[in-house]
Amino acid sequence: MSAQPEEQPEQLVPRPDLSFPSLRAALARVSPAQVPEMLADRDVQFTRATEAGSFEPIKGFQLKWATVIEVKRRRDLDQRMEAAQHLVHTLDRDDPRWRAAMDEVRNVYNEARRAVTGG
């Protein structure tokens, strides 16, 4: 008896590579309103890289935006993130559900990051 293949989550676009043009194009498709934020972040991180003489800020930029795109391109992650963020912004911080919602935001982000890094 063969095992059933694991169902893949619904994806709006293929996972982009980490090049800036691929990340920008993918973000433009899944969350166009965030493109100006990404461009501003690029300018800051590339300036930091130049000042530090290091590629680490650029690597961080790539990983950050690949993770944001991973959440947005997968409906399952995006829906979980939106629901959790709604609770974070509407519940009182003393409410135990607020902490659970913050944990869910972190869990979704970490799941997306693992998908991007293969870890």
C-alpha atoms as a PDB file:
ATOM      1  CA  MET A   1       0.000   0.000   0.000  1.00  0.00           C
ATOM      2  CA  SER A   2       1.455   3.347  -0.978  1.00  0.00           C
ATOM      3  CA  ALA A   3       1.253   6.400   1.230  1.00  0.00           C
ATOM      4  CA  GLN A   4      -0.807   9.322   0.048  1.00  0.00           C
ATOM      5  CA  PRO A   5       1.378  12.213  -1.091  1.00  0.00           C
ATOM      6  CA  GLU A   6       1.365  15.129   1.307  1.00  0.00           C
ATOM      7  CA  GLU A   7      -0.906  17.866  -0.016  1.00  0.00           C
ATOM      8  CA  GLN A   8       0.978  21.023  -0.888  1.00  0.00           C
ATOM      9  CA  PRO A   9      -0.403  24.316   0.419  1.00  0.00           C
ATOM     10  CA  GLU A  10      -2.022  26.593  -2.118  1.00  0.00           C
ATOM     11  CA  GLN A  11       0.567  29.019  -3.478  1.00  0.00           C
ATOM     12  CA  LEU A  12      -0.151  32.295  -5.235  1.00  0.00           C
ATOM     13  CA  VAL A  13       3.251  32.444  -6.943  1.00  0.00           C
ATOM     14  CA  PRO A  14       6.274  30.147  -7.052  1.00  0.00           C
ATOM     15  CA  ARG A  15       8.888  30.689  -4.341  1.00  0.00           C
ATOM     16  CA  PRO A  16      11.352  33.266  -5.736  1.00  0.00           C
ATOM     17  CA  ASP A  17      15.116  32.946  -5.586  1.00  0.00           C
ATOM     18  CA  LEU A  18      16.879  35.412  -3.298  1.00  0.00           C
ATOM     19  CA  SER A  19      17.936  37.888  -5.990  1.00  0.00           C
ATOM     20  CA  PHE A  20      16.529  41.368  -5.544  1.00  0.00           C
ATOM     21  CA  PRO A  21      14.660  41.392  -8.899  1.00  0.00           C
ATOM     22  CA  SER A  22      12.994  38.040  -8.103  1.00  0.00           C
ATOM     23  CA  LEU A  23      12.014  39.132  -4.592  1.00  0.00           C
ATOM     24  CA  ARG A  24      10.656  42.473  -5.840  1.00  0.00           C
ATOM     25  CA  ALA A  25       8.633  40.810  -8.617  1.00  0.00           C
ATOM     26  CA  ALA A  26       7.161  38.226  -6.243  1.00  0.00           C
ATOM     27  CA  LEU A  27       6.272  40.858  -3.640  1.00  0.00           C
ATOM     28  CA  ALA A  28       4.642  42.992  -6.335  1.00  0.00           C
ATOM     29  CA  ARG A  29       2.345  40.057  -7.096  1.00  0.00           C
ATOM     30  CA  VAL A  30       1.466  38.936  -3.558  1.00  0.00           C
ATOM     31  CA  SER A  31       1.542  42.238  -1.648  1.00  0.00           C
ATOM     32  CA  PRO A  32       2.042  45.267  -3.911  1.00  0.00           C
ATOM     33  CA  ALA A  33       1.414  47.709  -1.066  1.00  0.00           C
ATOM     34  CA  GLN A  34       4.627  46.509   0.614  1.00  0.00           C
ATOM     35  CA  VAL A  35       6.910  47.226  -2.363  1.00  0.00           C
ATOM     36  CA  PRO A  36       7.724  50.810  -1.233  1.00  0.00           C
ATOM     37  CA  GLU A  37       8.635  49.470   2.227  1.00  0.00           C
ATOM     38  CA  MET A  38      10.896  46.860   0.625  1.00  0.00           C
ATOM     39  CA  LEU A  39      12.612  49.474  -1.548  1.00  0.00           C
ATOM     40  CA  ALA A  40      13.220  51.747   1.442  1.00  0.00           C
ATOM     41  CA  ASP A  41      14.574  48.793   3.430  1.00  0.00           C
ATOM     42  CA  ARG A  42      16.845  47.887   0.499  1.00  0.00           C
ATOM     43  CA  ASP A  43      18.325  51.371   0.496  1.00  0.00           C
ATOM     44  CA  VAL A  44      19.004  51.233   4.246  1.00  0.00           C
ATOM     45  CA  GLN A  45      20.501  47.743   4.188  1.00  0.00           C
ATOM     46  CA  PHE A  46      22.667  48.341   1.126  1.00  0.00           C
ATOM     47  CA  THR A  47      23.989  51.532   2.755  1.00  0.00           C
ATOM     48  CA  ARG A  48      24.766  49.584   5.942  1.00  0.00           C
ATOM     49  CA  ALA A  49      26.533  46.924   3.887  1.00  0.00           C
ATOM     50  CA  THR A  50      28.648  49.552   2.162  1.00  0.00           C
ATOM     51  CA  GLU A  51      29.510  51.302   5.429  1.00  0.00           C
ATOM     52  CA  ALA A  52      30.375  48.022   7.172  1.00  0.00           C
ATOM     53  CA  GLY A  53      32.138  46.473   4.200  1.00  0.00           C
ATOM     54  CA  SER A  54      30.001  43.373   4.776  1.00  0.00           C
ATOM     55  CA  PHE A  55      27.350  41.443   2.894  1.00  0.00           C
ATOM     56  CA  GLU A  56      25.530  40.520   6.120  1.00  0.00           C
ATOM     57  CA  PRO A  57      22.971  43.369   5.900  1.00  0.00           C
ATOM     58  CA  ILE A  58      22.152  42.307   2.336  1.00  0.00           C
ATOM     59  CA  LYS A  59      21.786  38.664   3.369  1.00  0.00           C
ATOM     60  CA  GLY A  60      19.491  39.761   6.188  1.00  0.00           C
ATOM     61  CA  PHE A  61      17.443  41.831   3.753  1.00  0.00           C
ATOM     62  CA  GLN A  62      17.083  38.859   1.397  1.00  0.00           C
ATOM     63  CA  LEU A  63      16.040  36.480   4.165  1.00  0.00           C
ATOM     64  CA  LYS A  64      13.590  38.967   5.700  1.00  0.00           C
ATOM     65  CA  TRP A  65      11.797  39.661   2.426  1.00  0.00           C
ATOM     66  CA  ALA A  66      11.863  36.035   1.252  1.00  0.00           C
ATOM     67  CA  THR A  67      10.127  35.178   4.539  1.00  0.00           C
ATOM     68  CA  VAL A  68       7.537  37.949   4.134  1.00  0.00           C
ATOM     69  CA  ILE A  69       6.854  36.713   0.600  1.00  0.00           C
ATOM     70  CA  GLU A  70       6.609  33.103   1.786  1.00  0.00           C
ATOM     71  CA  VAL A  71       3.834  34.066   4.206  1.00  0.00           C
ATOM     72  CA  LYS A  72       1.989  36.089   1.567  1.00  0.00           C
ATOM     73  CA  ARG A  73       2.338  33.556  -1.256  1.00  0.00           C
ATOM     74  CA  ARG A  74       0.896  30.696   0.805  1.00  0.00           C
ATOM     75  CA  ARG A  75      -2.766  31.165   1.676  1.00  0.00           C
ATOM     76  CA  ASP A  76      -2.534  28.900   4.739  1.00  0.00           C
ATOM     77  CA  LEU A  77       0.238  30.970   6.303  1.00  0.00           C
ATOM     78  CA  ASP A  78      -1.248  34.288   5.257  1.00  0.00           C
ATOM     79  CA  GLN A  79      -4.640  33.473   6.771  1.00  0.00           C
ATOM     80  CA  ARG A  80      -3.057  32.309  10.027  1.00  0.00           C
ATOM     81  CA  MET A  81      -0.888  35.435  10.181  1.00  0.00           C
ATOM     82  CA  GLU A  82      -3.784  37.796   9.482  1.00  0.00           C
ATOM     83  CA  ALA A  83      -5.978  36.144  12.132  1.00  0.00           C
ATOM     84  CA  ALA A  84      -3.209  36.262  14.731  1.00  0.00           C
ATOM     85  CA  GLN A  85      -2.275  39.865  13.935  1.00  0.00           C
ATOM     86  CA  HIS A  86      -5.929  40.886  14.200  1.00  0.00           C
ATOM     87  CA  LEU A  87      -6.042  39.479  17.733  1.00  0.00           C
ATOM     88  CA  VAL A  88      -2.729  41.099  18.655  1.00  0.00           C
ATOM     89  CA  HIS A  89      -4.082  44.487  17.593  1.00  0.00           C
ATOM     90  CA  THR A  90      -7.529  44.145  19.181  1.00  0.00           C
ATOM     91  CA  LEU A  91      -6.994  42.266  22.447  1.00  0.00           C
ATOM     92  CA  ASP A  92      -5.711  43.746  25.663  1.00  0.00           C
ATOM     93  CA  ARG A  93      -2.166  42.645  26.468  1.00  0.00           C
ATOM     94  CA  ASP A  94      -3.381  41.215  29.773  1.00  0.00           C
ATOM     95  CA  ASP A  95      -5.695  38.823  27.936  1.00  0.00           C
ATOM     96  CA  PRO A  96      -4.099  35.334  27.702  1.00  0.00           C
ATOM     97  CA  ARG A  97      -5.338  35.128  24.100  1.00  0.00           C
ATOM     98  CA  TRP A  98      -3.032  38.059  23.269  1.00  0.00           C
ATOM     99  CA  ARG A  99       0.046  36.002  24.236  1.00  0.00           C
ATOM    100  CA  ALA A 100      -1.297  33.019  22.264  1.00  0.00           C
ATOM    101  CA  ALA A 101      -1.778  35.282  19.240  1.00  0.00           C
ATOM    102  CA  MET A 102       1.784  36.607  19.562  1.00  0.00           C
ATOM    103  CA  ASP A 103       3.026  33.015  19.731  1.00  0.00           C
ATOM    104  CA  GLU A 104       1.090  32.235  16.552  1.00  0.00           C
ATOM    105  CA  VAL A 105       2.632  35.236  14.740  1.00  0.00           C
ATOM    106  CA  ARG A 106       6.070  33.915  15.705  1.00  0.00           C
ATOM    107  CA  ASN A 107       5.149  30.347  14.722  1.00  0.00           C
ATOM    108  CA  VAL A 108       3.930  31.405  11.283  1.00  0.00           C
ATOM    109  CA  TYR A 109       7.017  33.541  10.696  1.00  0.00           C
ATOM    110  CA  ASN A 110       9.310  30.705  11.786  1.00  0.00           C
ATOM    111  CA  GLU A 111       7.479  28.192   9.576  1.00  0.00           C
ATOM    112  CA  ALA A 112       7.880  30.524   6.606  1.00  0.00           C
ATOM    113  CA  ARG A 113      11.561  31.091   7.386  1.00  0.00           C
ATOM    114  CA  ARG A 114      12.199  27.341   7.590  1.00  0.00           C
ATOM    115  CA  ALA A 115      10.518  26.916   4.195  1.00  0.00           C
ATOM    116  CA  VAL A 116      12.775  29.579   2.706  1.00  0.00           C
ATOM    117  CA  THR A 117      16.000  28.286   4.245  1.00  0.00           C
ATOM    118  CA  GLY A 118      15.248  24.598   3.858  1.00  0.00           C
ATOM    119  CA  GLY A 119      15.667  24.076   7.575  1.00  0.00           C
END
